[in-house]
Amino acid sequence: MDAYQITFLVALALAMVELVTGAFLFLGMALGAAAVACVQWATAGFALNRDLLIFAIVSVLAFLVLRKLFARPADQEESPDDVNRY
């Protein structure tokens, strides 16, 4: 197996873990691993420093974008007639 195939399988595994947890943390890492797999396929090689840098940058950006995109509204809102304020 080539490096990009292994990395793509890792991306799929992270996406499956995301389906179980639903926290959007592993989805960002799956997108980062998929980006690394694409770069490895395009360059036909494995470079540890380059791959770690791409993984870190894409994962953090994906995490931040997904948090903004799928943010929940406030769970609790205070109303003037709330019984719990006394």
C-alpha atoms as a PDB file:
ATOM      1  CA  MET A   1       0.000   0.000   0.000  1.00  0.00           C
ATOM      2  CA  ASP A   2       1.120   3.496  -0.772  1.00  0.00           C
ATOM      3  CA  ALA A   3       1.284   6.245   1.829  1.00  0.00           C
ATOM      4  CA  TYR A   4      -1.718   8.110   0.427  1.00  0.00           C
ATOM      5  CA  GLN A   5      -3.882   4.982   0.646  1.00  0.00           C
ATOM      6  CA  ILE A   6      -3.026   4.478   4.301  1.00  0.00           C
ATOM      7  CA  THR A   7      -3.676   8.148   5.045  1.00  0.00           C
ATOM      8  CA  PHE A   8      -7.007   7.973   3.222  1.00  0.00           C
ATOM      9  CA  LEU A   9      -8.011   4.958   5.338  1.00  0.00           C
ATOM     10  CA  VAL A  10      -7.081   6.920   8.461  1.00  0.00           C
ATOM     11  CA  ALA A  11      -9.294   9.771   7.221  1.00  0.00           C
ATOM     12  CA  LEU A  12     -12.188   7.350   6.749  1.00  0.00           C
ATOM     13  CA  ALA A  13     -11.649   5.904  10.224  1.00  0.00           C
ATOM     14  CA  LEU A  14     -11.679   9.397  11.747  1.00  0.00           C
ATOM     15  CA  ALA A  15     -14.886  10.198   9.867  1.00  0.00           C
ATOM     16  CA  MET A  16     -16.486   7.033  11.260  1.00  0.00           C
ATOM     17  CA  VAL A  17     -15.432   7.973  14.785  1.00  0.00           C
ATOM     18  CA  GLU A  18     -17.072  11.349  14.182  1.00  0.00           C
ATOM     19  CA  LEU A  19     -20.349   9.610  13.364  1.00  0.00           C
ATOM     20  CA  VAL A  20     -20.257   7.983  16.801  1.00  0.00           C
ATOM     21  CA  THR A  21     -19.289  11.082  18.798  1.00  0.00           C
ATOM     22  CA  GLY A  22     -20.933  13.975  16.953  1.00  0.00           C
ATOM     23  CA  ALA A  23     -18.559  16.587  18.385  1.00  0.00           C
ATOM     24  CA  PHE A  24     -17.147  17.858  15.045  1.00  0.00           C
ATOM     25  CA  LEU A  25     -13.636  17.372  16.424  1.00  0.00           C
ATOM     26  CA  PHE A  26     -12.842  14.211  14.509  1.00  0.00           C
ATOM     27  CA  LEU A  27     -14.446  15.558  11.332  1.00  0.00           C
ATOM     28  CA  GLY A  28     -11.852  18.334  11.235  1.00  0.00           C
ATOM     29  CA  MET A  29      -9.093  15.787  11.684  1.00  0.00           C
ATOM     30  CA  ALA A  30     -10.636  13.599   8.970  1.00  0.00           C
ATOM     31  CA  LEU A  31     -10.608  16.549   6.583  1.00  0.00           C
ATOM     32  CA  GLY A  32      -6.978  17.222   7.500  1.00  0.00           C
ATOM     33  CA  ALA A  33      -6.029  13.607   6.845  1.00  0.00           C
ATOM     34  CA  ALA A  34      -7.900  13.671   3.528  1.00  0.00           C
ATOM     35  CA  ALA A  35      -5.970  16.799   2.521  1.00  0.00           C
ATOM     36  CA  VAL A  36      -2.700  15.056   3.388  1.00  0.00           C
ATOM     37  CA  ALA A  37      -3.762  12.027   1.354  1.00  0.00           C
ATOM     38  CA  CYS A  38      -4.447  14.281  -1.651  1.00  0.00           C
ATOM     39  CA  VAL A  39      -1.058  15.960  -1.335  1.00  0.00           C
ATOM     40  CA  GLN A  40       0.672  12.588  -0.972  1.00  0.00           C
ATOM     41  CA  TRP A  41      -1.119  11.317  -4.067  1.00  0.00           C
ATOM     42  CA  ALA A  42      -0.273  14.439  -6.091  1.00  0.00           C
ATOM     43  CA  THR A  43       3.409  14.405  -5.137  1.00  0.00           C
ATOM     44  CA  ALA A  44       3.714  10.600  -5.050  1.00  0.00           C
ATOM     45  CA  GLY A  45       5.625  10.699  -1.819  1.00  0.00           C
ATOM     46  CA  PHE A  46       5.693  10.890   1.944  1.00  0.00           C
ATOM     47  CA  ALA A  47       7.389  13.773   3.750  1.00  0.00           C
ATOM     48  CA  LEU A  48       6.751  13.767   7.482  1.00  0.00           C
ATOM     49  CA  ASN A  49       7.245  17.482   8.173  1.00  0.00           C
ATOM     50  CA  ARG A  50       5.151  18.591   5.198  1.00  0.00           C
ATOM     51  CA  ASP A  51       2.383  16.114   5.988  1.00  0.00           C
ATOM     52  CA  LEU A  52       2.209  17.075   9.660  1.00  0.00           C
ATOM     53  CA  LEU A  53       2.102  20.767   8.782  1.00  0.00           C
ATOM     54  CA  ILE A  54      -0.701  20.276   6.251  1.00  0.00           C
ATOM     55  CA  PHE A  55      -2.610  18.054   8.683  1.00  0.00           C
ATOM     56  CA  ALA A  56      -2.330  20.579  11.509  1.00  0.00           C
ATOM     57  CA  ILE A  57      -3.301  23.618   9.447  1.00  0.00           C
ATOM     58  CA  VAL A  58      -6.238  22.004   7.635  1.00  0.00           C
ATOM     59  CA  SER A  59      -7.517  20.316  10.802  1.00  0.00           C
ATOM     60  CA  VAL A  60      -7.546  23.532  12.830  1.00  0.00           C
ATOM     61  CA  LEU A  61      -9.137  25.535  10.016  1.00  0.00           C
ATOM     62  CA  ALA A  62     -11.771  22.858   9.436  1.00  0.00           C
ATOM     63  CA  PHE A  63     -12.497  22.658  13.162  1.00  0.00           C
ATOM     64  CA  LEU A  64     -12.980  26.425  13.420  1.00  0.00           C
ATOM     65  CA  VAL A  65     -15.158  26.620  10.312  1.00  0.00           C
ATOM     66  CA  LEU A  66     -17.305  23.664  11.401  1.00  0.00           C
ATOM     67  CA  ARG A  67     -17.784  25.155  14.877  1.00  0.00           C
ATOM     68  CA  LYS A  68     -18.970  28.425  13.335  1.00  0.00           C
ATOM     69  CA  LEU A  69     -21.128  26.650  10.773  1.00  0.00           C
ATOM     70  CA  PHE A  70     -22.842  24.222  13.140  1.00  0.00           C
ATOM     71  CA  ALA A  71     -22.971  26.342  16.306  1.00  0.00           C
ATOM     72  CA  ARG A  72     -25.997  25.738  18.486  1.00  0.00           C
ATOM     73  CA  PRO A  73     -28.064  28.648  19.688  1.00  0.00           C
ATOM     74  CA  ALA A  74     -27.980  29.286  23.405  1.00  0.00           C
ATOM     75  CA  ASP A  75     -29.510  26.364  25.236  1.00  0.00           C
ATOM     76  CA  GLN A  76     -31.096  28.486  27.914  1.00  0.00           C
ATOM     77  CA  GLU A  77     -32.523  31.943  27.665  1.00  0.00           C
ATOM     78  CA  GLU A  78     -33.643  34.037  30.586  1.00  0.00           C
ATOM     79  CA  SER A  79     -37.181  35.271  30.447  1.00  0.00           C
ATOM     80  CA  PRO A  80     -38.690  37.801  32.853  1.00  0.00           C
ATOM     81  CA  ASP A  81     -41.172  35.272  34.231  1.00  0.00           C
ATOM     82  CA  ASP A  82     -38.680  32.458  34.793  1.00  0.00           C
ATOM     83  CA  VAL A  83     -39.462  30.549  37.993  1.00  0.00           C
ATOM     84  CA  ASN A  84     -35.831  29.613  38.518  1.00  0.00           C
ATOM     85  CA  ARG A  85     -34.620  33.166  39.066  1.00  0.00           C
ATOM     86  CA  TYR A  86     -36.038  33.318  42.641  1.00  0.00           C
END
